[in-house]
């Protein structure tokens, strides 16, 4: 799937990588790309530079999962277009900013990339608070990281905003020959747990790395516009009581001839 199809009505530059990878991405397994193109059809989406100095909306996003599943690698690939083959454990947490312009609003995702080591768990729980969206990551070649998802899910539901959305990401899909967690079983788990999104990704090859955060921004933007619309309707009814009375009368109006 080509990135220009994922982000409808607005193309974007991927630090010169888009032109190099567009051919290879079109050949990837269709199960890997789980982004709903139709949902983006009416939105103009543009990725902005990391040093963007303004935003209209800001949301807190937390990335969780076992150590070594590639949480930092996904964030670095999406935001800085960098991938380090050597593993370096995150100590405590890292912080990233991801800017997306959707229609006329600039969204800033405050991305908290947490460590996966158990000794830091008491520290990590502090970062769940006021979280708008959680990204749970496992590695398709690491069965333990998948089996531990229940623990991560329990923790984020206990510590974060009860309305927070949750993504499930199966990282390292480039390691197909080493796969121990099938796409199908992870997809069933995602549906059973009612996660907002599930798809596989590869920080190394850049598959869906950027799209994780584009989708996060899109869903949070839609939540914002829906909430704003509800507030606007509520205010309208309070300031225009005659309109509400008229509507109520029409509900009881006979439709017979």
C-alpha atoms as a PDB file:
ATOM      1  CA  UNK A   1       0.000   0.000   0.000  1.00  0.00           C
ATOM      2  CA  UNK A   2       1.392   3.337  -0.985  1.00  0.00           C
ATOM      3  CA  UNK A   3       1.507   6.088   1.654  1.00  0.00           C
ATOM      4  CA  UNK A   4      -0.169   8.511  -0.756  1.00  0.00           C
ATOM      5  CA  UNK A   5      -3.244   6.269  -0.591  1.00  0.00           C
ATOM      6  CA  UNK A   6      -3.245   6.166   3.182  1.00  0.00           C
ATOM      7  CA  UNK A   7      -3.255   9.942   3.566  1.00  0.00           C
ATOM      8  CA  UNK A   8      -6.018  10.981   1.221  1.00  0.00           C
ATOM      9  CA  UNK A   9      -6.125  14.429  -0.387  1.00  0.00           C
ATOM     10  CA  UNK A  10      -2.754  15.439   1.080  1.00  0.00           C
ATOM     11  CA  UNK A  11       0.679  14.109   0.181  1.00  0.00           C
ATOM     12  CA  UNK A  12       3.647  14.385   2.523  1.00  0.00           C
ATOM     13  CA  UNK A  13       7.392  14.042   2.426  1.00  0.00           C
ATOM     14  CA  UNK A  14       8.994  11.263   4.454  1.00  0.00           C
ATOM     15  CA  UNK A  15      12.527  12.677   4.520  1.00  0.00           C
ATOM     16  CA  UNK A  16      13.088  11.416   0.959  1.00  0.00           C
ATOM     17  CA  UNK A  17      12.244   7.852   2.010  1.00  0.00           C
ATOM     18  CA  UNK A  18       8.790   7.809   0.432  1.00  0.00           C
ATOM     19  CA  UNK A  19      10.127   7.763  -3.111  1.00  0.00           C
ATOM     20  CA  UNK A  20      12.569   4.972  -2.264  1.00  0.00           C
ATOM     21  CA  UNK A  21      10.054   2.720  -0.530  1.00  0.00           C
ATOM     22  CA  UNK A  22       6.853   3.307  -2.481  1.00  0.00           C
ATOM     23  CA  UNK A  23       7.508   0.324  -4.725  1.00  0.00           C
ATOM     24  CA  UNK A  24       8.350  -2.126  -1.980  1.00  0.00           C
ATOM     25  CA  UNK A  25       5.393  -1.131   0.207  1.00  0.00           C
ATOM     26  CA  UNK A  26       2.952  -1.947  -2.564  1.00  0.00           C
ATOM     27  CA  UNK A  27       4.159  -5.566  -2.443  1.00  0.00           C
ATOM     28  CA  UNK A  28       3.732  -6.051   1.297  1.00  0.00           C
ATOM     29  CA  UNK A  29       1.272  -8.505   2.804  1.00  0.00           C
ATOM     30  CA  UNK A  30      -2.179  -6.834   2.792  1.00  0.00           C
ATOM     31  CA  UNK A  31      -2.691  -8.078   6.367  1.00  0.00           C
ATOM     32  CA  UNK A  32       0.085  -5.760   7.513  1.00  0.00           C
ATOM     33  CA  UNK A  33      -1.625  -2.522   6.518  1.00  0.00           C
ATOM     34  CA  UNK A  34      -4.804  -2.251   8.556  1.00  0.00           C
ATOM     35  CA  UNK A  35      -5.513   1.443   7.990  1.00  0.00           C
ATOM     36  CA  UNK A  36      -9.006   2.295   6.797  1.00  0.00           C
ATOM     37  CA  UNK A  37      -8.609   4.512   3.755  1.00  0.00           C
ATOM     38  CA  UNK A  38     -12.297   5.420   3.666  1.00  0.00           C
ATOM     39  CA  UNK A  39     -12.073   6.971   7.144  1.00  0.00           C
ATOM     40  CA  UNK A  40      -9.491   9.470   5.904  1.00  0.00           C
ATOM     41  CA  UNK A  41     -11.272  10.369   2.675  1.00  0.00           C
ATOM     42  CA  UNK A  42     -12.831  13.594   3.917  1.00  0.00           C
ATOM     43  CA  UNK A  43      -9.781  14.728   5.888  1.00  0.00           C
ATOM     44  CA  UNK A  44      -6.785  16.713   4.732  1.00  0.00           C
ATOM     45  CA  UNK A  45      -3.886  15.271   6.696  1.00  0.00           C
ATOM     46  CA  UNK A  46      -0.364  16.647   6.679  1.00  0.00           C
ATOM     47  CA  UNK A  47       2.605  15.661   8.827  1.00  0.00           C
ATOM     48  CA  UNK A  48       4.437  18.714  10.151  1.00  0.00           C
ATOM     49  CA  UNK A  49       8.099  19.058  11.213  1.00  0.00           C
ATOM     50  CA  UNK A  50       9.135  17.933  14.675  1.00  0.00           C
ATOM     51  CA  UNK A  51      10.145  21.510  15.574  1.00  0.00           C
ATOM     52  CA  UNK A  52       6.685  22.961  14.878  1.00  0.00           C
ATOM     53  CA  UNK A  53       6.196  25.690  17.492  1.00  0.00           C
ATOM     54  CA  UNK A  54       2.407  25.906  17.666  1.00  0.00           C
ATOM     55  CA  UNK A  55      -0.564  23.631  18.156  1.00  0.00           C
ATOM     56  CA  UNK A  56      -4.327  23.957  18.416  1.00  0.00           C
ATOM     57  CA  UNK A  57      -4.857  20.657  20.200  1.00  0.00           C
ATOM     58  CA  UNK A  58      -2.529  18.583  22.360  1.00  0.00           C
ATOM     59  CA  UNK A  59      -2.952  14.947  23.399  1.00  0.00           C
ATOM     60  CA  UNK A  60      -0.915  12.683  25.640  1.00  0.00           C
ATOM     61  CA  UNK A  61       0.028   9.306  24.140  1.00  0.00           C
ATOM     62  CA  UNK A  62       1.899   6.578  26.025  1.00  0.00           C
ATOM     63  CA  UNK A  63       3.765   3.620  24.496  1.00  0.00           C
ATOM     64  CA  UNK A  64       3.973   0.513  26.664  1.00  0.00           C
ATOM     65  CA  UNK A  65       5.135  -3.074  26.344  1.00  0.00           C
ATOM     66  CA  UNK A  66       7.948  -5.406  27.304  1.00  0.00           C
ATOM     67  CA  UNK A  67      11.574  -4.422  26.970  1.00  0.00           C
ATOM     68  CA  UNK A  68      13.178  -4.957  23.530  1.00  0.00           C
ATOM     69  CA  UNK A  69       9.924  -5.112  21.524  1.00  0.00           C
ATOM     70  CA  UNK A  70      10.909  -1.946  19.633  1.00  0.00           C
ATOM     71  CA  UNK A  71       8.837   0.799  21.251  1.00  0.00           C
ATOM     72  CA  UNK A  72      11.550   3.451  20.936  1.00  0.00           C
ATOM     73  CA  UNK A  73      12.459   2.223  17.454  1.00  0.00           C
ATOM     74  CA  UNK A  74       8.901   2.756  16.213  1.00  0.00           C
ATOM     75  CA  UNK A  75       8.786   6.288  17.600  1.00  0.00           C
ATOM     76  CA  UNK A  76      12.225   7.165  16.215  1.00  0.00           C
ATOM     77  CA  UNK A  77      11.366   5.772  12.787  1.00  0.00           C
ATOM     78  CA  UNK A  78       8.062   7.627  12.638  1.00  0.00           C
ATOM     79  CA  UNK A  79       9.314  10.969  13.905  1.00  0.00           C
ATOM     80  CA  UNK A  80      13.014  11.151  13.026  1.00  0.00           C
ATOM     81  CA  UNK A  81      13.129   8.556  10.225  1.00  0.00           C
ATOM     82  CA  UNK A  82      15.961   6.781  12.058  1.00  0.00           C
ATOM     83  CA  UNK A  83      16.513   3.154  12.967  1.00  0.00           C
ATOM     84  CA  UNK A  84      19.291   1.854  15.184  1.00  0.00           C
ATOM     85  CA  UNK A  85      20.066  -1.832  14.736  1.00  0.00           C
ATOM     86  CA  UNK A  86      21.853  -2.031  18.085  1.00  0.00           C
ATOM     87  CA  UNK A  87      19.556  -2.367  21.095  1.00  0.00           C
ATOM     88  CA  UNK A  88      19.700   0.213  23.864  1.00  0.00           C
ATOM     89  CA  UNK A  89      17.172  -0.079  26.685  1.00  0.00           C
ATOM     90  CA  UNK A  90      15.174   3.015  27.568  1.00  0.00           C
ATOM     91  CA  UNK A  91      15.939   4.187  31.101  1.00  0.00           C
ATOM     92  CA  UNK A  92      12.733   5.492  32.635  1.00  0.00           C
ATOM     93  CA  UNK A  93      11.151   7.139  29.595  1.00  0.00           C
ATOM     94  CA  UNK A  94      11.775   9.123  26.413  1.00  0.00           C
ATOM     95  CA  UNK A  95       9.644  11.982  25.138  1.00  0.00           C
ATOM     96  CA  UNK A  96       8.739  12.740  21.509  1.00  0.00           C
ATOM     97  CA  UNK A  97       6.466  15.240  19.787  1.00  0.00           C
ATOM     98  CA  UNK A  98       4.530  14.343  16.644  1.00  0.00           C
ATOM     99  CA  UNK A  99       2.690  17.132  14.811  1.00  0.00           C
ATOM    100  CA  UNK A 100      -0.154  16.535  12.375  1.00  0.00           C
ATOM    101  CA  UNK A 101      -2.348  19.093  10.658  1.00  0.00           C
ATOM    102  CA  UNK A 102      -5.864  17.793  10.068  1.00  0.00           C
ATOM    103  CA  UNK A 103      -8.072  20.120   8.084  1.00  0.00           C
ATOM    104  CA  UNK A 104      -7.376  23.476   9.779  1.00  0.00           C
ATOM    105  CA  UNK A 105      -6.228  22.158  13.176  1.00  0.00           C
ATOM    106  CA  UNK A 106      -2.642  21.451  14.246  1.00  0.00           C
ATOM    107  CA  UNK A 107      -2.481  18.480  16.605  1.00  0.00           C
ATOM    108  CA  UNK A 108       0.467  17.765  18.865  1.00  0.00           C
ATOM    109  CA  UNK A 109       0.895  14.239  20.166  1.00  0.00           C
ATOM    110  CA  UNK A 110       2.956  14.241  23.364  1.00  0.00           C
ATOM    111  CA  UNK A 111       4.429  10.760  23.089  1.00  0.00           C
ATOM    112  CA  UNK A 112       5.806   9.166  26.240  1.00  0.00           C
ATOM    113  CA  UNK A 113       7.933   6.162  25.378  1.00  0.00           C
ATOM    114  CA  UNK A 114       8.267   4.056  28.523  1.00  0.00           C
ATOM    115  CA  UNK A 115      10.825   1.436  29.469  1.00  0.00           C
ATOM    116  CA  UNK A 116       9.736  -2.173  29.762  1.00  0.00           C
ATOM    117  CA  UNK A 117      11.866  -3.260  32.698  1.00  0.00           C
ATOM    118  CA  UNK A 118       9.941  -4.337  35.766  1.00  0.00           C
ATOM    119  CA  UNK A 119      12.139  -2.302  38.131  1.00  0.00           C
ATOM    120  CA  UNK A 120      10.739   0.918  36.624  1.00  0.00           C
ATOM    121  CA  UNK A 121       7.038  -0.022  36.784  1.00  0.00           C
ATOM    122  CA  UNK A 122       6.262   2.179  39.784  1.00  0.00           C
ATOM    123  CA  UNK A 123       7.730   5.129  37.880  1.00  0.00           C
ATOM    124  CA  UNK A 124       5.863   4.361  34.654  1.00  0.00           C
ATOM    125  CA  UNK A 125       2.422   4.352  36.293  1.00  0.00           C
ATOM    126  CA  UNK A 126       2.798   8.092  36.916  1.00  0.00           C
ATOM    127  CA  UNK A 127       2.815   8.689  33.157  1.00  0.00           C
ATOM    128  CA  UNK A 128      -0.508   6.943  32.547  1.00  0.00           C
ATOM    129  CA  UNK A 129      -2.462   9.794  34.095  1.00  0.00           C
ATOM    130  CA  UNK A 130      -4.372  12.032  31.672  1.00  0.00           C
ATOM    131  CA  UNK A 131      -3.414   9.726  28.818  1.00  0.00           C
ATOM    132  CA  UNK A 132      -5.663  10.078  25.758  1.00  0.00           C
ATOM    133  CA  UNK A 133      -4.334   7.029  23.920  1.00  0.00           C
ATOM    134  CA  UNK A 134      -2.174   4.045  24.815  1.00  0.00           C
ATOM    135  CA  UNK A 135      -0.091   2.067  22.319  1.00  0.00           C
ATOM    136  CA  UNK A 136       0.629  -1.491  23.480  1.00  0.00           C
ATOM    137  CA  UNK A 137       3.519  -3.090  21.590  1.00  0.00           C
ATOM    138  CA  UNK A 138       4.634  -6.696  21.367  1.00  0.00           C
ATOM    139  CA  UNK A 139       7.103  -8.369  18.993  1.00  0.00           C
ATOM    140  CA  UNK A 140       5.816 -11.042  16.628  1.00  0.00           C
ATOM    141  CA  UNK A 141       8.987 -13.070  17.295  1.00  0.00           C
ATOM    142  CA  UNK A 142       8.695 -12.876  21.096  1.00  0.00           C
ATOM    143  CA  UNK A 143       5.957 -15.002  22.615  1.00  0.00           C
ATOM    144  CA  UNK A 144       6.505 -13.685  26.121  1.00  0.00           C
ATOM    145  CA  UNK A 145       5.919 -10.099  25.012  1.00  0.00           C
ATOM    146  CA  UNK A 146       2.545 -11.192  23.615  1.00  0.00           C
ATOM    147  CA  UNK A 147       1.604 -13.218  26.699  1.00  0.00           C
ATOM    148  CA  UNK A 148       2.339 -10.202  28.910  1.00  0.00           C
ATOM    149  CA  UNK A 149      -0.190  -7.977  27.107  1.00  0.00           C
ATOM    150  CA  UNK A 150      -2.889  -8.782  29.668  1.00  0.00           C
ATOM    151  CA  UNK A 151      -0.694  -7.318  32.399  1.00  0.00           C
ATOM    152  CA  UNK A 152      -0.023  -4.143  30.419  1.00  0.00           C
ATOM    153  CA  UNK A 153      -3.710  -3.815  29.570  1.00  0.00           C
ATOM    154  CA  UNK A 154      -4.749  -4.207  33.199  1.00  0.00           C
ATOM    155  CA  UNK A 155      -2.277  -1.537  34.226  1.00  0.00           C
ATOM    156  CA  UNK A 156      -3.254   1.039  31.620  1.00  0.00           C
ATOM    157  CA  UNK A 157      -6.955   0.571  32.378  1.00  0.00           C
ATOM    158  CA  UNK A 158      -6.293   0.971  36.092  1.00  0.00           C
ATOM    159  CA  UNK A 159      -4.032   4.019  35.882  1.00  0.00           C
ATOM    160  CA  UNK A 160      -5.097   5.999  32.810  1.00  0.00           C
ATOM    161  CA  UNK A 161      -8.132   7.949  31.669  1.00  0.00           C
ATOM    162  CA  UNK A 162     -11.078   5.487  31.488  1.00  0.00           C
ATOM    163  CA  UNK A 163     -11.957   6.867  28.051  1.00  0.00           C
ATOM    164  CA  UNK A 164      -8.438   6.412  26.675  1.00  0.00           C
ATOM    165  CA  UNK A 165      -8.218   4.597  23.364  1.00  0.00           C
ATOM    166  CA  UNK A 166      -5.850   1.646  23.009  1.00  0.00           C
ATOM    167  CA  UNK A 167      -3.874   0.488  19.967  1.00  0.00           C
ATOM    168  CA  UNK A 168      -2.296  -2.967  19.689  1.00  0.00           C
ATOM    169  CA  UNK A 169       0.849  -3.098  17.553  1.00  0.00           C
ATOM    170  CA  UNK A 170       2.702  -6.251  16.534  1.00  0.00           C
ATOM    171  CA  UNK A 171       6.209  -4.974  15.810  1.00  0.00           C
ATOM    172  CA  UNK A 172       9.055  -6.609  13.851  1.00  0.00           C
ATOM    173  CA  UNK A 173       6.844  -7.975  11.083  1.00  0.00           C
ATOM    174  CA  UNK A 174       9.967  -7.954   8.898  1.00  0.00           C
ATOM    175  CA  UNK A 175      11.086 -11.047  10.868  1.00  0.00           C
ATOM    176  CA  UNK A 176       8.482 -13.308   9.276  1.00  0.00           C
ATOM    177  CA  UNK A 177      10.704 -16.400   9.450  1.00  0.00           C
ATOM    178  CA  UNK A 178      11.021 -15.936  13.221  1.00  0.00           C
ATOM    179  CA  UNK A 179       7.300 -15.344  13.810  1.00  0.00           C
ATOM    180  CA  UNK A 180       5.806 -17.075  16.860  1.00  0.00           C
ATOM    181  CA  UNK A 181       2.657 -14.944  17.185  1.00  0.00           C
ATOM    182  CA  UNK A 182       0.299 -15.205  14.233  1.00  0.00           C
ATOM    183  CA  UNK A 183      -1.579 -12.245  12.851  1.00  0.00           C
ATOM    184  CA  UNK A 184      -4.871 -14.103  13.269  1.00  0.00           C
ATOM    185  CA  UNK A 185      -4.560 -14.792  16.994  1.00  0.00           C
ATOM    186  CA  UNK A 186      -3.471 -11.232  17.737  1.00  0.00           C
ATOM    187  CA  UNK A 187      -6.370  -9.906  15.674  1.00  0.00           C
ATOM    188  CA  UNK A 188      -8.839 -12.055  17.637  1.00  0.00           C
ATOM    189  CA  UNK A 189      -7.319 -10.806  20.897  1.00  0.00           C
ATOM    190  CA  UNK A 190      -7.671  -7.209  19.688  1.00  0.00           C
ATOM    191  CA  UNK A 191     -11.329  -7.738  18.812  1.00  0.00           C
ATOM    192  CA  UNK A 192     -12.056  -9.482  22.120  1.00  0.00           C
ATOM    193  CA  UNK A 193     -10.461  -6.630  24.080  1.00  0.00           C
ATOM    194  CA  UNK A 194     -12.165  -4.025  21.840  1.00  0.00           C
ATOM    195  CA  UNK A 195      -8.998  -2.140  20.995  1.00  0.00           C
ATOM    196  CA  UNK A 196      -9.362   0.894  18.761  1.00  0.00           C
ATOM    197  CA  UNK A 197      -6.800  -0.402  16.253  1.00  0.00           C
ATOM    198  CA  UNK A 198      -4.604  -3.397  15.581  1.00  0.00           C
ATOM    199  CA  UNK A 199      -1.974  -3.732  12.909  1.00  0.00           C
ATOM    200  CA  UNK A 200       1.529  -5.048  12.485  1.00  0.00           C
ATOM    201  CA  UNK A 201       4.530  -2.827  11.915  1.00  0.00           C
ATOM    202  CA  UNK A 202       8.266  -2.820  11.344  1.00  0.00           C
ATOM    203  CA  UNK A 203      10.484  -0.098  12.742  1.00  0.00           C
ATOM    204  CA  UNK A 204      13.348  -1.432  10.649  1.00  0.00           C
ATOM    205  CA  UNK A 205      11.528  -1.291   7.304  1.00  0.00           C
ATOM    206  CA  UNK A 206       9.268   1.611   8.254  1.00  0.00           C
ATOM    207  CA  UNK A 207       6.094  -0.406   7.694  1.00  0.00           C
ATOM    208  CA  UNK A 208       3.214   1.378   9.441  1.00  0.00           C
ATOM    209  CA  UNK A 209       5.583   3.157  11.853  1.00  0.00           C
ATOM    210  CA  UNK A 210       4.412   6.618  10.860  1.00  0.00           C
ATOM    211  CA  UNK A 211       0.845   5.453  10.305  1.00  0.00           C
ATOM    212  CA  UNK A 212       0.487   4.436  13.955  1.00  0.00           C
ATOM    213  CA  UNK A 213       0.661   8.063  14.999  1.00  0.00           C
ATOM    214  CA  UNK A 214      -1.314   9.359  12.018  1.00  0.00           C
ATOM    215  CA  UNK A 215      -4.155   7.064  13.019  1.00  0.00           C
ATOM    216  CA  UNK A 216      -3.814   8.139  16.645  1.00  0.00           C
ATOM    217  CA  UNK A 217      -4.098  11.786  15.617  1.00  0.00           C
ATOM    218  CA  UNK A 218      -7.058  11.081  13.351  1.00  0.00           C
ATOM    219  CA  UNK A 219      -9.059   9.245  16.008  1.00  0.00           C
ATOM    220  CA  UNK A 220      -8.323  11.860  18.657  1.00  0.00           C
ATOM    221  CA  UNK A 221      -9.272  14.620  16.216  1.00  0.00           C
ATOM    222  CA  UNK A 222     -12.577  12.894  15.474  1.00  0.00           C
ATOM    223  CA  UNK A 223     -13.255  12.560  19.205  1.00  0.00           C
ATOM    224  CA  UNK A 224     -12.561  16.265  19.608  1.00  0.00           C
ATOM    225  CA  UNK A 225     -14.889  17.295  16.766  1.00  0.00           C
ATOM    226  CA  UNK A 226     -17.647  14.993  18.058  1.00  0.00           C
ATOM    227  CA  UNK A 227     -17.308  16.406  21.572  1.00  0.00           C
ATOM    228  CA  UNK A 228     -17.321  19.965  20.219  1.00  0.00           C
ATOM    229  CA  UNK A 229     -20.441  19.202  18.199  1.00  0.00           C
ATOM    230  CA  UNK A 230     -22.227  17.808  21.267  1.00  0.00           C
ATOM    231  CA  UNK A 231     -21.297  20.853  23.324  1.00  0.00           C
ATOM    232  CA  UNK A 232     -22.469  23.149  20.547  1.00  0.00           C
ATOM    233  CA  UNK A 233     -25.824  21.350  20.320  1.00  0.00           C
ATOM    234  CA  UNK A 234     -26.274  21.516  24.074  1.00  0.00           C
ATOM    235  CA  UNK A 235     -25.547  25.244  24.151  1.00  0.00           C
ATOM    236  CA  UNK A 236     -27.888  25.808  21.209  1.00  0.00           C
ATOM    237  CA  UNK A 237     -30.762  24.092  23.002  1.00  0.00           C
ATOM    238  CA  UNK A 238     -30.188  26.179  26.136  1.00  0.00           C
ATOM    239  CA  UNK A 239     -29.954  29.480  24.272  1.00  0.00           C
ATOM    240  CA  UNK A 240     -32.804  28.651  21.878  1.00  0.00           C
ATOM    241  CA  UNK A 241     -35.481  26.911  23.999  1.00  0.00           C
ATOM    242  CA  UNK A 242     -38.142  27.680  21.391  1.00  0.00           C
ATOM    243  CA  UNK A 243     -36.259  25.513  18.907  1.00  0.00           C
ATOM    244  CA  UNK A 244     -36.342  22.573  21.313  1.00  0.00           C
ATOM    245  CA  UNK A 245     -40.069  23.087  21.977  1.00  0.00           C
ATOM    246  CA  UNK A 246     -40.757  23.168  18.244  1.00  0.00           C
ATOM    247  CA  UNK A 247     -38.801  19.977  17.699  1.00  0.00           C
ATOM    248  CA  UNK A 248     -40.683  18.241  20.507  1.00  0.00           C
ATOM    249  CA  UNK A 249     -44.013  19.296  19.039  1.00  0.00           C
ATOM    250  CA  UNK A 250     -43.046  17.949  15.646  1.00  0.00           C
ATOM    251  CA  UNK A 251     -42.202  14.583  17.183  1.00  0.00           C
ATOM    252  CA  UNK A 252     -45.874  14.147  18.175  1.00  0.00           C
ATOM    253  CA  UNK A 253     -47.339  15.519  14.967  1.00  0.00           C
ATOM    254  CA  UNK A 254     -49.622  13.032  13.217  1.00  0.00           C
ATOM    255  CA  UNK A 255     -48.406  11.698   9.866  1.00  0.00           C
ATOM    256  CA  UNK A 256     -51.711  10.310   8.690  1.00  0.00           C
ATOM    257  CA  UNK A 257     -53.661  11.832   5.730  1.00  0.00           C
END
